[in-house]
Amino acid sequence: MTDRHDGPGDLYGPDDSALDGNAIGGLLHEVFGTEMTTAEATCAHCGNTALVAEALAYVRAPGTVMRCRTCTSVLAVVVRRQEINCVDLSGLAALNALSENSGRRSAHSGT
């Protein structure tokens, strides 16, 4: 076994449970009330900015986890408890979504 750990599953072999961000598009629409897979997410850890659709999504945990494809840091966690979505966005430095009416991006700071 090696000490190298680049992301989920690396200690035990390749992780084939990761999906792309499109897999959680419905959940994100439920949480934010708008299409979010085309939003730009900026990782608070490495600073990479990419579309939410390009993030890694893990849906088999006791919640849904979205990770940065570049550094595998956690960007967001959504856990449903008693029919309420509990959302942690602390891994995001910014989240910029397209406004459905104007086509412009609206910024949301992760802090």
PDB file of N, CA and C in Angstrom:
ATOM      1  N   MET A   1       0.846  -1.185   0.000  1.00  0.00           N
ATOM      2  CA  MET A   1       0.000   0.000   0.000  1.00  0.00           C
ATOM      3  C   MET A   1       0.887   1.242   0.000  1.00  0.00           C
ATOM      4  N   THR A   2       0.451   2.243  -0.670  1.00  0.00           N
ATOM      5  CA  THR A   2       1.217   3.476  -0.789  1.00  0.00           C
ATOM      6  C   THR A   2       0.643   4.560   0.108  1.00  0.00           C
ATOM      7  N   ASP A   3       1.453   5.563   0.425  1.00  0.00           N
ATOM      8  CA  ASP A   3       0.991   6.684   1.242  1.00  0.00           C
ATOM      9  C   ASP A   3       0.253   7.722   0.406  1.00  0.00           C
ATOM     10  N   ARG A   4       0.341   7.594  -0.912  1.00  0.00           N
ATOM     11  CA  ARG A   4      -0.282   8.564  -1.806  1.00  0.00           C
ATOM     12  C   ARG A   4      -1.800   8.432  -1.729  1.00  0.00           C
ATOM     13  N   HIS A   5      -2.468   9.570  -1.602  1.00  0.00           N
ATOM     14  CA  HIS A   5      -3.931   9.582  -1.568  1.00  0.00           C
ATOM     15  C   HIS A   5      -4.415  10.811  -2.314  1.00  0.00           C
ATOM     16  N   ASP A   6      -4.877  10.599  -3.529  1.00  0.00           N
ATOM     17  CA  ASP A   6      -5.298  11.714  -4.371  1.00  0.00           C
ATOM     18  C   ASP A   6      -6.782  12.010  -4.287  1.00  0.00           C
ATOM     19  N   GLY A   7      -7.548  11.113  -3.762  1.00  0.00           N
ATOM     20  CA  GLY A   7      -8.973  11.370  -3.714  1.00  0.00           C
ATOM     21  C   GLY A   7      -9.735  10.159  -3.248  1.00  0.00           C
ATOM     22  N   PRO A   8     -11.041  10.231  -3.283  1.00  0.00           N
ATOM     23  CA  PRO A   8     -11.875   9.146  -2.790  1.00  0.00           C
ATOM     24  C   PRO A   8     -11.535   7.835  -3.482  1.00  0.00           C
ATOM     25  N   GLY A   9     -11.350   6.793  -2.694  1.00  0.00           N
ATOM     26  CA  GLY A   9     -11.121   5.474  -3.240  1.00  0.00           C
ATOM     27  C   GLY A   9      -9.681   5.150  -3.546  1.00  0.00           C
ATOM     28  N   ASP A  10      -8.773   6.125  -3.554  1.00  0.00           N
ATOM     29  CA  ASP A  10      -7.400   5.863  -3.952  1.00  0.00           C
ATOM     30  C   ASP A  10      -6.669   4.900  -3.018  1.00  0.00           C
ATOM     31  N   LEU A  11      -6.987   4.901  -1.740  1.00  0.00           N
ATOM     32  CA  LEU A  11      -6.307   3.998  -0.816  1.00  0.00           C
ATOM     33  C   LEU A  11      -6.683   2.546  -1.064  1.00  0.00           C
ATOM     34  N   TYR A  12      -7.843   2.305  -1.632  1.00  0.00           N
ATOM     35  CA  TYR A  12      -8.335   0.949  -1.823  1.00  0.00           C
ATOM     36  C   TYR A  12      -8.492   0.590  -3.289  1.00  0.00           C
ATOM     37  N   GLY A  13      -7.945   1.364  -4.157  1.00  0.00           N
ATOM     38  CA  GLY A  13      -8.084   1.119  -5.584  1.00  0.00           C
ATOM     39  C   GLY A  13      -8.925   2.201  -6.232  1.00  0.00           C
ATOM     40  N   PRO A  14      -9.120   2.099  -7.534  1.00  0.00           N
ATOM     41  CA  PRO A  14      -9.889   3.131  -8.244  1.00  0.00           C
ATOM     42  C   PRO A  14     -11.320   3.192  -7.749  1.00  0.00           C
ATOM     43  N   ASP A  15     -11.855   4.395  -7.725  1.00  0.00           N
ATOM     44  CA  ASP A  15     -13.222   4.608  -7.263  1.00  0.00           C
ATOM     45  C   ASP A  15     -14.123   4.762  -8.475  1.00  0.00           C
ATOM     46  N   ASP A  16     -14.964   3.773  -8.700  1.00  0.00           N
ATOM     47  CA  ASP A  16     -15.849   3.837  -9.850  1.00  0.00           C
ATOM     48  C   ASP A  16     -17.249   4.315  -9.480  1.00  0.00           C
ATOM     49  N   SER A  17     -17.413   4.791  -8.238  1.00  0.00           N
ATOM     50  CA  SER A  17     -18.729   5.262  -7.814  1.00  0.00           C
ATOM     51  C   SER A  17     -18.958   6.733  -8.133  1.00  0.00           C
ATOM     52  N   ALA A  18     -17.942   7.418  -8.622  1.00  0.00           N
ATOM     53  CA  ALA A  18     -18.082   8.836  -8.939  1.00  0.00           C
ATOM     54  C   ALA A  18     -18.875   9.017 -10.233  1.00  0.00           C
ATOM     55  N   LEU A  19     -19.825   9.933 -10.182  1.00  0.00           N
ATOM     56  CA  LEU A  19     -20.596  10.331 -11.352  1.00  0.00           C
ATOM     57  C   LEU A  19     -20.223  11.770 -11.671  1.00  0.00           C
ATOM     58  N   ASP A  20     -20.710  12.314 -12.764  1.00  0.00           N
ATOM     59  CA  ASP A  20     -20.465  13.736 -12.993  1.00  0.00           C
ATOM     60  C   ASP A  20     -21.611  14.543 -12.383  1.00  0.00           C
ATOM     61  N   GLY A  21     -21.439  15.845 -12.335  1.00  0.00           N
ATOM     62  CA  GLY A  21     -22.406  16.720 -11.693  1.00  0.00           C
ATOM     63  C   GLY A  21     -23.801  16.691 -12.297  1.00  0.00           C
ATOM     64  N   ASN A  22     -23.913  16.225 -13.535  1.00  0.00           N
ATOM     65  CA  ASN A  22     -25.240  16.111 -14.153  1.00  0.00           C
ATOM     66  C   ASN A  22     -26.129  15.137 -13.388  1.00  0.00           C
ATOM     67  N   ALA A  23     -25.525  14.164 -12.720  1.00  0.00           N
ATOM     68  CA  ALA A  23     -26.283  13.146 -11.988  1.00  0.00           C
ATOM     69  C   ALA A  23     -27.069  13.735 -10.817  1.00  0.00           C
ATOM     70  N   ILE A  24     -26.646  14.897 -10.335  1.00  0.00           N
ATOM     71  CA  ILE A  24     -27.339  15.527  -9.209  1.00  0.00           C
ATOM     72  C   ILE A  24     -28.063  16.806  -9.627  1.00  0.00           C
ATOM     73  N   GLY A  25     -28.277  16.959 -10.911  1.00  0.00           N
ATOM     74  CA  GLY A  25     -28.950  18.144 -11.432  1.00  0.00           C
ATOM     75  C   GLY A  25     -30.340  18.348 -10.843  1.00  0.00           C
ATOM     76  N   GLY A  26     -31.108  17.273 -10.700  1.00  0.00           N
ATOM     77  CA  GLY A  26     -32.452  17.380 -10.133  1.00  0.00           C
ATOM     78  C   GLY A  26     -32.423  17.820  -8.685  1.00  0.00           C
ATOM     79  N   LEU A  27     -31.515  17.237  -7.910  1.00  0.00           N
ATOM     80  CA  LEU A  27     -31.366  17.622  -6.501  1.00  0.00           C
ATOM     81  C   LEU A  27     -30.957  19.086  -6.383  1.00  0.00           C
ATOM     82  N   LEU A  28     -30.008  19.514  -7.210  1.00  0.00           N
ATOM     83  CA  LEU A  28     -29.558  20.907  -7.158  1.00  0.00           C
ATOM     84  C   LEU A  28     -30.684  21.864  -7.563  1.00  0.00           C
ATOM     85  N   HIS A  29     -31.498  21.464  -8.524  1.00  0.00           N
ATOM     86  CA  HIS A  29     -32.647  22.295  -8.911  1.00  0.00           C
ATOM     87  C   HIS A  29     -33.628  22.402  -7.748  1.00  0.00           C
ATOM     88  N   GLU A  30     -33.828  21.305  -7.036  1.00  0.00           N
ATOM     89  CA  GLU A  30     -34.707  21.318  -5.860  1.00  0.00           C
ATOM     90  C   GLU A  30     -34.173  22.258  -4.776  1.00  0.00           C
ATOM     91  N   VAL A  31     -32.864  22.253  -4.572  1.00  0.00           N
ATOM     92  CA  VAL A  31     -32.241  23.085  -3.533  1.00  0.00           C
ATOM     93  C   VAL A  31     -32.224  24.556  -3.928  1.00  0.00           C
ATOM     94  N   PHE A  32     -31.818  24.857  -5.167  1.00  0.00           N
ATOM     95  CA  PHE A  32     -31.611  26.247  -5.591  1.00  0.00           C
ATOM     96  C   PHE A  32     -32.778  26.839  -6.371  1.00  0.00           C
ATOM     97  N   GLY A  33     -33.681  25.991  -6.857  1.00  0.00           N
ATOM     98  CA  GLY A  33     -34.829  26.487  -7.602  1.00  0.00           C
ATOM     99  C   GLY A  33     -34.524  26.887  -9.025  1.00  0.00           C
ATOM    100  N   THR A  34     -33.368  26.481  -9.531  1.00  0.00           N
ATOM    101  CA  THR A  34     -32.985  26.803 -10.904  1.00  0.00           C
ATOM    102  C   THR A  34     -31.973  25.774 -11.392  1.00  0.00           C
ATOM    103  N   GLU A  35     -31.734  25.768 -12.689  1.00  0.00           N
ATOM    104  CA  GLU A  35     -30.749  24.882 -13.300  1.00  0.00           C
ATOM    105  C   GLU A  35     -29.362  25.233 -12.768  1.00  0.00           C
ATOM    106  N   MET A  36     -28.666  24.245 -12.194  1.00  0.00           N
ATOM    107  CA  MET A  36     -27.353  24.526 -11.603  1.00  0.00           C
ATOM    108  C   MET A  36     -26.204  23.780 -12.269  1.00  0.00           C
ATOM    109  N   THR A  37     -26.466  22.839 -13.158  1.00  0.00           N
ATOM    110  CA  THR A  37     -25.358  22.110 -13.771  1.00  0.00           C
ATOM    111  C   THR A  37     -24.530  23.003 -14.689  1.00  0.00           C
ATOM    112  N   THR A  38     -25.117  24.105 -15.147  1.00  0.00           N
ATOM    113  CA  THR A  38     -24.379  25.052 -15.991  1.00  0.00           C
ATOM    114  C   THR A  38     -23.761  26.191 -15.176  1.00  0.00           C
ATOM    115  N   ALA A  39     -23.925  26.143 -13.861  1.00  0.00           N
ATOM    116  CA  ALA A  39     -23.318  27.162 -12.998  1.00  0.00           C
ATOM    117  C   ALA A  39     -21.811  26.925 -12.904  1.00  0.00           C
ATOM    118  N   GLU A  40     -21.064  27.983 -12.664  1.00  0.00           N
ATOM    119  CA  GLU A  40     -19.620  27.881 -12.456  1.00  0.00           C
ATOM    120  C   GLU A  40     -19.344  27.799 -10.959  1.00  0.00           C
ATOM    121  N   ALA A  41     -18.629  26.754 -10.564  1.00  0.00           N
ATOM    122  CA  ALA A  41     -18.258  26.550  -9.160  1.00  0.00           C
ATOM    123  C   ALA A  41     -16.757  26.744  -9.016  1.00  0.00           C
ATOM    124  N   THR A  42     -16.353  27.519  -7.999  1.00  0.00           N
ATOM    125  CA  THR A  42     -14.941  27.742  -7.717  1.00  0.00           C
ATOM    126  C   THR A  42     -14.580  27.045  -6.417  1.00  0.00           C
ATOM    127  N   CYS A  43     -13.604  26.159  -6.488  1.00  0.00           N
ATOM    128  CA  CYS A  43     -13.154  25.395  -5.328  1.00  0.00           C
ATOM    129  C   CYS A  43     -12.424  26.301  -4.345  1.00  0.00           C
ATOM    130  N   ALA A  44     -12.824  26.251  -3.079  1.00  0.00           N
ATOM    131  CA  ALA A  44     -12.176  27.069  -2.052  1.00  0.00           C
ATOM    132  C   ALA A  44     -10.779  26.553  -1.731  1.00  0.00           C
ATOM    133  N   HIS A  45     -10.474  25.308  -2.068  1.00  0.00           N
ATOM    134  CA  HIS A  45      -9.172  24.733  -1.750  1.00  0.00           C
ATOM    135  C   HIS A  45      -8.123  25.033  -2.815  1.00  0.00           C
ATOM    136  N   CYS A  46      -8.427  24.708  -4.094  1.00  0.00           N
ATOM    137  CA  CYS A  46      -7.418  24.876  -5.148  1.00  0.00           C
ATOM    138  C   CYS A  46      -7.681  26.063  -6.066  1.00  0.00           C
ATOM    139  N   GLY A  47      -8.881  26.643  -6.000  1.00  0.00           N
ATOM    140  CA  GLY A  47      -9.200  27.807  -6.825  1.00  0.00           C
ATOM    141  C   GLY A  47      -9.681  27.481  -8.225  1.00  0.00           C
ATOM    142  N   ASN A  48      -9.755  26.199  -8.581  1.00  0.00           N
ATOM    143  CA  ASN A  48     -10.224  25.826  -9.914  1.00  0.00           C
ATOM    144  C   ASN A  48     -11.693  26.215 -10.087  1.00  0.00           C
ATOM    145  N   THR A  49     -12.012  26.764 -11.248  1.00  0.00           N
ATOM    146  CA  THR A  49     -13.386  27.102 -11.591  1.00  0.00           C
ATOM    147  C   THR A  49     -13.812  26.224 -12.753  1.00  0.00           C
ATOM    148  N   ALA A  50     -14.947  25.555 -12.579  1.00  0.00           N
ATOM    149  CA  ALA A  50     -15.478  24.676 -13.625  1.00  0.00           C
ATOM    150  C   ALA A  50     -16.992  24.626 -13.494  1.00  0.00           C
ATOM    151  N   LEU A  51     -17.652  24.117 -14.515  1.00  0.00           N
ATOM    152  CA  LEU A  51     -19.091  23.940 -14.460  1.00  0.00           C
ATOM    153  C   LEU A  51     -19.435  22.880 -13.413  1.00  0.00           C
ATOM    154  N   VAL A  52     -20.547  23.043 -12.748  1.00  0.00           N
ATOM    155  CA  VAL A  52     -21.017  22.059 -11.776  1.00  0.00           C
ATOM    156  C   VAL A  52     -21.151  20.692 -12.448  1.00  0.00           C
ATOM    157  N   ALA A  53     -21.554  20.663 -13.707  1.00  0.00           N
ATOM    158  CA  ALA A  53     -21.695  19.405 -14.439  1.00  0.00           C
ATOM    159  C   ALA A  53     -20.386  18.628 -14.511  1.00  0.00           C
ATOM    160  N   GLU A  54     -19.248  19.313 -14.379  1.00  0.00           N
ATOM    161  CA  GLU A  54     -17.940  18.672 -14.468  1.00  0.00           C
ATOM    162  C   GLU A  54     -17.414  18.186 -13.122  1.00  0.00           C
ATOM    163  N   ALA A  55     -18.101  18.526 -12.048  1.00  0.00           N
ATOM    164  CA  ALA A  55     -17.663  18.092 -10.712  1.00  0.00           C
ATOM    165  C   ALA A  55     -17.883  16.593 -10.553  1.00  0.00           C
ATOM    166  N   LEU A  56     -17.233  16.009  -9.559  1.00  0.00           N
ATOM    167  CA  LEU A  56     -17.465  14.612  -9.202  1.00  0.00           C
ATOM    168  C   LEU A  56     -18.632  14.554  -8.236  1.00  0.00           C
ATOM    169  N   ALA A  57     -19.550  13.640  -8.456  1.00  0.00           N
ATOM    170  CA  ALA A  57     -20.716  13.507  -7.586  1.00  0.00           C
ATOM    171  C   ALA A  57     -20.768  12.097  -7.023  1.00  0.00           C
ATOM    172  N   TYR A  58     -21.000  12.014  -5.734  1.00  0.00           N
ATOM    173  CA  TYR A  58     -21.130  10.734  -5.035  1.00  0.00           C
ATOM    174  C   TYR A  58     -22.510  10.706  -4.402  1.00  0.00           C
ATOM    175  N   VAL A  59     -23.320   9.738  -4.788  1.00  0.00           N
ATOM    176  CA  VAL A  59     -24.706   9.708  -4.339  1.00  0.00           C
ATOM    177  C   VAL A  59     -25.019   8.508  -3.440  1.00  0.00           C
ATOM    178  N   ARG A  60     -24.060   7.637  -3.189  1.00  0.00           N
ATOM    179  CA  ARG A  60     -24.322   6.444  -2.394  1.00  0.00           C
ATOM    180  C   ARG A  60     -24.022   6.625  -0.912  1.00  0.00           C
ATOM    181  N   ALA A  61     -23.579   7.759  -0.514  1.00  0.00           N
ATOM    182  CA  ALA A  61     -23.287   8.032   0.896  1.00  0.00           C
ATOM    183  C   ALA A  61     -24.598   8.358   1.616  1.00  0.00           C
ATOM    184  N   PRO A  62     -24.532   8.620   2.921  1.00  0.00           N
ATOM    185  CA  PRO A  62     -25.743   9.046   3.624  1.00  0.00           C
ATOM    186  C   PRO A  62     -26.203  10.438   3.198  1.00  0.00           C
ATOM    187  N   GLY A  63     -25.627  10.947   2.180  1.00  0.00           N
ATOM    188  CA  GLY A  63     -25.990  12.231   1.599  1.00  0.00           C
ATOM    189  C   GLY A  63     -25.361  12.288   0.229  1.00  0.00           C
ATOM    190  N   THR A  64     -25.473  13.408  -0.423  1.00  0.00           N
ATOM    191  CA  THR A  64     -24.861  13.596  -1.733  1.00  0.00           C
ATOM    192  C   THR A  64     -23.651  14.505  -1.569  1.00  0.00           C
ATOM    193  N   VAL A  65     -22.522  14.085  -2.125  1.00  0.00           N
ATOM    194  CA  VAL A  65     -21.275  14.838  -2.001  1.00  0.00           C
ATOM    195  C   VAL A  65     -20.806  15.248  -3.385  1.00  0.00           C
ATOM    196  N   MET A  66     -20.454  16.520  -3.535  1.00  0.00           N
ATOM    197  CA  MET A  66     -19.893  17.039  -4.771  1.00  0.00           C
ATOM    198  C   MET A  66     -18.439  17.421  -4.493  1.00  0.00           C
ATOM    199  N   ARG A  67     -17.518  16.885  -5.317  1.00  0.00           N
ATOM    200  CA  ARG A  67     -16.088  17.134  -5.128  1.00  0.00           C
ATOM    201  C   ARG A  67     -15.481  17.816  -6.350  1.00  0.00           C
ATOM    202  N   CYS A  68     -14.417  18.554  -6.099  1.00  0.00           N
ATOM    203  CA  CYS A  68     -13.654  19.205  -7.165  1.00  0.00           C
ATOM    204  C   CYS A  68     -12.960  18.130  -8.006  1.00  0.00           C
ATOM    205  N   ARG A  69     -13.103  18.211  -9.308  1.00  0.00           N
ATOM    206  CA  ARG A  69     -12.452  17.239 -10.191  1.00  0.00           C
ATOM    207  C   ARG A  69     -10.936  17.431 -10.205  1.00  0.00           C
ATOM    208  N   THR A  70     -10.452  18.629  -9.881  1.00  0.00           N
ATOM    209  CA  THR A  70      -9.018  18.901  -9.914  1.00  0.00           C
ATOM    210  C   THR A  70      -8.299  18.385  -8.674  1.00  0.00           C
ATOM    211  N   CYS A  71      -8.801  18.724  -7.476  1.00  0.00           N
ATOM    212  CA  CYS A  71      -8.098  18.355  -6.242  1.00  0.00           C
ATOM    213  C   CYS A  71      -8.880  17.382  -5.359  1.00  0.00           C
ATOM    214  N   THR A  72     -10.077  17.032  -5.732  1.00  0.00           N
ATOM    215  CA  THR A  72     -11.006  16.130  -5.036  1.00  0.00           C
ATOM    216  C   THR A  72     -11.461  16.638  -3.668  1.00  0.00           C
ATOM    217  N   SER A  73     -11.256  17.898  -3.362  1.00  0.00           N
ATOM    218  CA  SER A  73     -11.792  18.462  -2.116  1.00  0.00           C
ATOM    219  C   SER A  73     -13.311  18.526  -2.192  1.00  0.00           C
ATOM    220  N   VAL A  74     -13.958  18.433  -1.043  1.00  0.00           N
ATOM    221  CA  VAL A  74     -15.415  18.507  -0.992  1.00  0.00           C
ATOM    222  C   VAL A  74     -15.857  19.933  -1.292  1.00  0.00           C
ATOM    223  N   LEU A  75     -16.740  20.077  -2.273  1.00  0.00           N
ATOM    224  CA  LEU A  75     -17.309  21.378  -2.624  1.00  0.00           C
ATOM    225  C   LEU A  75     -18.625  21.602  -1.901  1.00  0.00           C
ATOM    226  N   ALA A  76     -19.459  20.573  -1.884  1.00  0.00           N
ATOM    227  CA  ALA A  76     -20.803  20.710  -1.309  1.00  0.00           C
ATOM    228  C   ALA A  76     -21.300  19.354  -0.824  1.00  0.00           C
ATOM    229  N   VAL A  77     -22.146  19.408   0.200  1.00  0.00           N
ATOM    230  CA  VAL A  77     -22.802  18.214   0.732  1.00  0.00           C
ATOM    231  C   VAL A  77     -24.278  18.544   0.921  1.00  0.00           C
ATOM    232  N   VAL A  78     -25.138  17.645   0.478  1.00  0.00           N
ATOM    233  CA  VAL A  78     -26.580  17.791   0.686  1.00  0.00           C
ATOM    234  C   VAL A  78     -27.068  16.524   1.387  1.00  0.00           C
ATOM    235  N   VAL A  79     -27.690  16.713   2.537  1.00  0.00           N
ATOM    236  CA  VAL A  79     -28.254  15.604   3.295  1.00  0.00           C
ATOM    237  C   VAL A  79     -29.727  15.906   3.532  1.00  0.00           C
ATOM    238  N   ARG A  80     -30.567  14.951   3.226  1.00  0.00           N
ATOM    239  CA  ARG A  80     -32.015  15.128   3.440  1.00  0.00           C
ATOM    240  C   ARG A  80     -32.367  14.564   4.810  1.00  0.00           C
ATOM    241  N   ARG A  81     -32.975  15.409   5.633  1.00  0.00           N
ATOM    242  CA  ARG A  81     -33.367  14.997   6.987  1.00  0.00           C
ATOM    243  C   ARG A  81     -34.794  15.471   7.234  1.00  0.00           C
ATOM    244  N   GLN A  82     -35.669  14.559   7.527  1.00  0.00           N
ATOM    245  CA  GLN A  82     -37.077  14.860   7.777  1.00  0.00           C
ATOM    246  C   GLN A  82     -37.657  15.781   6.707  1.00  0.00           C
ATOM    247  N   GLU A  83     -37.436  15.413   5.455  1.00  0.00           N
ATOM    248  CA  GLU A  83     -37.943  16.118   4.284  1.00  0.00           C
ATOM    249  C   GLU A  83     -37.405  17.541   4.120  1.00  0.00           C
ATOM    250  N   ILE A  84     -36.273  17.815   4.743  1.00  0.00           N
ATOM    251  CA  ILE A  84     -35.592  19.106   4.595  1.00  0.00           C
ATOM    252  C   ILE A  84     -34.188  18.831   4.074  1.00  0.00           C
ATOM    253  N   ASN A  85     -33.782  19.568   3.037  1.00  0.00           N
ATOM    254  CA  ASN A  85     -32.424  19.444   2.521  1.00  0.00           C
ATOM    255  C   ASN A  85     -31.490  20.319   3.349  1.00  0.00           C
ATOM    256  N   CYS A  86     -30.517  19.683   3.983  1.00  0.00           N
ATOM    257  CA  CYS A  86     -29.483  20.410   4.728  1.00  0.00           C
ATOM    258  C   CYS A  86     -28.281  20.526   3.799  1.00  0.00           C
ATOM    259  N   VAL A  87     -27.826  21.750   3.552  1.00  0.00           N
ATOM    260  CA  VAL A  87     -26.818  22.009   2.531  1.00  0.00           C
ATOM    261  C   VAL A  87     -25.590  22.661   3.143  1.00  0.00           C
ATOM    262  N   ASP A  88     -24.407  22.115   2.823  1.00  0.00           N
ATOM    263  CA  ASP A  88     -23.134  22.699   3.242  1.00  0.00           C
ATOM    264  C   ASP A  88     -22.360  23.062   1.981  1.00  0.00           C
ATOM    265  N   LEU A  89     -22.142  24.348   1.770  1.00  0.00           N
ATOM    266  CA  LEU A  89     -21.412  24.840   0.595  1.00  0.00           C
ATOM    267  C   LEU A  89     -20.052  25.410   0.978  1.00  0.00           C
ATOM    268  N   SER A  90     -19.532  25.031   2.131  1.00  0.00           N
ATOM    269  CA  SER A  90     -18.299  25.649   2.633  1.00  0.00           C
ATOM    270  C   SER A  90     -17.068  25.350   1.776  1.00  0.00           C
ATOM    271  N   GLY A  91     -17.133  24.350   0.908  1.00  0.00           N
ATOM    272  CA  GLY A  91     -16.008  24.056   0.027  1.00  0.00           C
ATOM    273  C   GLY A  91     -15.990  24.898  -1.232  1.00  0.00           C
ATOM    274  N   LEU A  92     -16.990  25.763  -1.383  1.00  0.00           N
ATOM    275  CA  LEU A  92     -17.063  26.629  -2.557  1.00  0.00           C
ATOM    276  C   LEU A  92     -16.602  28.039  -2.218  1.00  0.00           C
ATOM    277  N   ALA A  93     -15.694  28.563  -3.014  1.00  0.00           N
ATOM    278  CA  ALA A  93     -15.303  29.968  -2.873  1.00  0.00           C
ATOM    279  C   ALA A  93     -16.343  30.846  -3.554  1.00  0.00           C
ATOM    280  N   ALA A  94     -16.958  30.319  -4.627  1.00  0.00           N
ATOM    281  CA  ALA A  94     -17.998  31.058  -5.354  1.00  0.00           C
ATOM    282  C   ALA A  94     -18.830  30.078  -6.158  1.00  0.00           C
ATOM    283  N   LEU A  95     -20.072  30.483  -6.412  1.00  0.00           N
ATOM    284  CA  LEU A  95     -20.985  29.714  -7.242  1.00  0.00           C
ATOM    285  C   LEU A  95     -21.742  30.725  -8.096  1.00  0.00           C
ATOM    286  N   ASN A  96     -21.523  30.679  -9.395  1.00  0.00           N
ATOM    287  CA  ASN A  96     -22.125  31.646 -10.308  1.00  0.00           C
ATOM    288  C   ASN A  96     -23.075  30.941 -11.248  1.00  0.00           C
ATOM    289  N   ALA A  97     -24.371  31.214 -11.085  1.00  0.00           N
ATOM    290  CA  ALA A  97     -25.402  30.564 -11.882  1.00  0.00           C
ATOM    291  C   ALA A  97     -25.942  31.504 -12.939  1.00  0.00           C
ATOM    292  N   LEU A  98     -26.345  30.945 -14.068  1.00  0.00           N
ATOM    293  CA  LEU A  98     -27.004  31.734 -15.098  1.00  0.00           C
ATOM    294  C   LEU A  98     -28.406  32.076 -14.639  1.00  0.00           C
ATOM    295  N   SER A  99     -28.772  33.316 -14.766  1.00  0.00           N
ATOM    296  CA  SER A  99     -30.130  33.735 -14.464  1.00  0.00           C
ATOM    297  C   SER A  99     -31.024  33.246 -15.600  1.00  0.00           C
ATOM    298  N   GLU A 100     -32.132  32.586 -15.257  1.00  0.00           N
ATOM    299  CA  GLU A 100     -33.018  32.038 -16.287  1.00  0.00           C
ATOM    300  C   GLU A 100     -33.620  33.128 -17.167  1.00  0.00           C
ATOM    301  N   ASN A 101     -33.845  34.303 -16.630  1.00  0.00           N
ATOM    302  CA  ASN A 101     -34.493  35.372 -17.391  1.00  0.00           C
ATOM    303  C   ASN A 101     -33.522  36.184 -18.230  1.00  0.00           C
ATOM    304  N   SER A 102     -32.349  36.472 -17.681  1.00  0.00           N
ATOM    305  CA  SER A 102     -31.451  37.392 -18.370  1.00  0.00           C
ATOM    306  C   SER A 102     -30.302  36.721 -19.093  1.00  0.00           C
ATOM    307  N   GLY A 103     -29.981  35.461 -18.745  1.00  0.00           N
ATOM    308  CA  GLY A 103     -28.820  34.817 -19.339  1.00  0.00           C
ATOM    309  C   GLY A 103     -27.530  35.288 -18.700  1.00  0.00           C
ATOM    310  N   ARG A 104     -27.611  36.157 -17.688  1.00  0.00           N
ATOM    311  CA  ARG A 104     -26.420  36.648 -16.995  1.00  0.00           C
ATOM    312  C   ARG A 104     -26.117  35.761 -15.796  1.00  0.00           C
ATOM    313  N   ARG A 105     -24.880  35.780 -15.369  1.00  0.00           N
ATOM    314  CA  ARG A 105     -24.478  35.006 -14.203  1.00  0.00           C
ATOM    315  C   ARG A 105     -24.736  35.813 -12.930  1.00  0.00           C
ATOM    316  N   SER A 106     -25.290  35.142 -11.939  1.00  0.00           N
ATOM    317  CA  SER A 106     -25.472  35.780 -10.632  1.00  0.00           C
ATOM    318  C   SER A 106     -24.513  35.107  -9.657  1.00  0.00           C
ATOM    319  N   ALA A 107     -23.778  35.896  -8.926  1.00  0.00           N
ATOM    320  CA  ALA A 107     -22.725  35.368  -8.057  1.00  0.00           C
ATOM    321  C   ALA A 107     -23.245  35.106  -6.656  1.00  0.00           C
ATOM    322  N   HIS A 108     -22.772  34.008  -6.097  1.00  0.00           N
ATOM    323  CA  HIS A 108     -23.047  33.648  -4.714  1.00  0.00           C
ATOM    324  C   HIS A 108     -21.732  33.294  -4.084  1.00  0.00           C
ATOM    325  N   SER A 109     -21.346  34.013  -3.048  1.00  0.00           N
ATOM    326  CA  SER A 109     -20.093  33.747  -2.364  1.00  0.00           C
ATOM    327  C   SER A 109     -20.267  32.563  -1.440  1.00  0.00           C
ATOM    328  N   GLY A 110     -19.224  31.733  -1.329  1.00  0.00           N
ATOM    329  CA  GLY A 110     -19.248  30.586  -0.445  1.00  0.00           C
ATOM    330  C   GLY A 110     -18.941  30.931   0.987  1.00  0.00           C
ATOM    331  N   THR A 111     -18.640  32.180   1.246  1.00  0.00           N
ATOM    332  CA  THR A 111     -18.290  32.573   2.621  1.00  0.00           C
ATOM    333  C   THR A 111     -19.446  33.221   3.317  1.00  0.00           C
TER     334      THR A 111
END
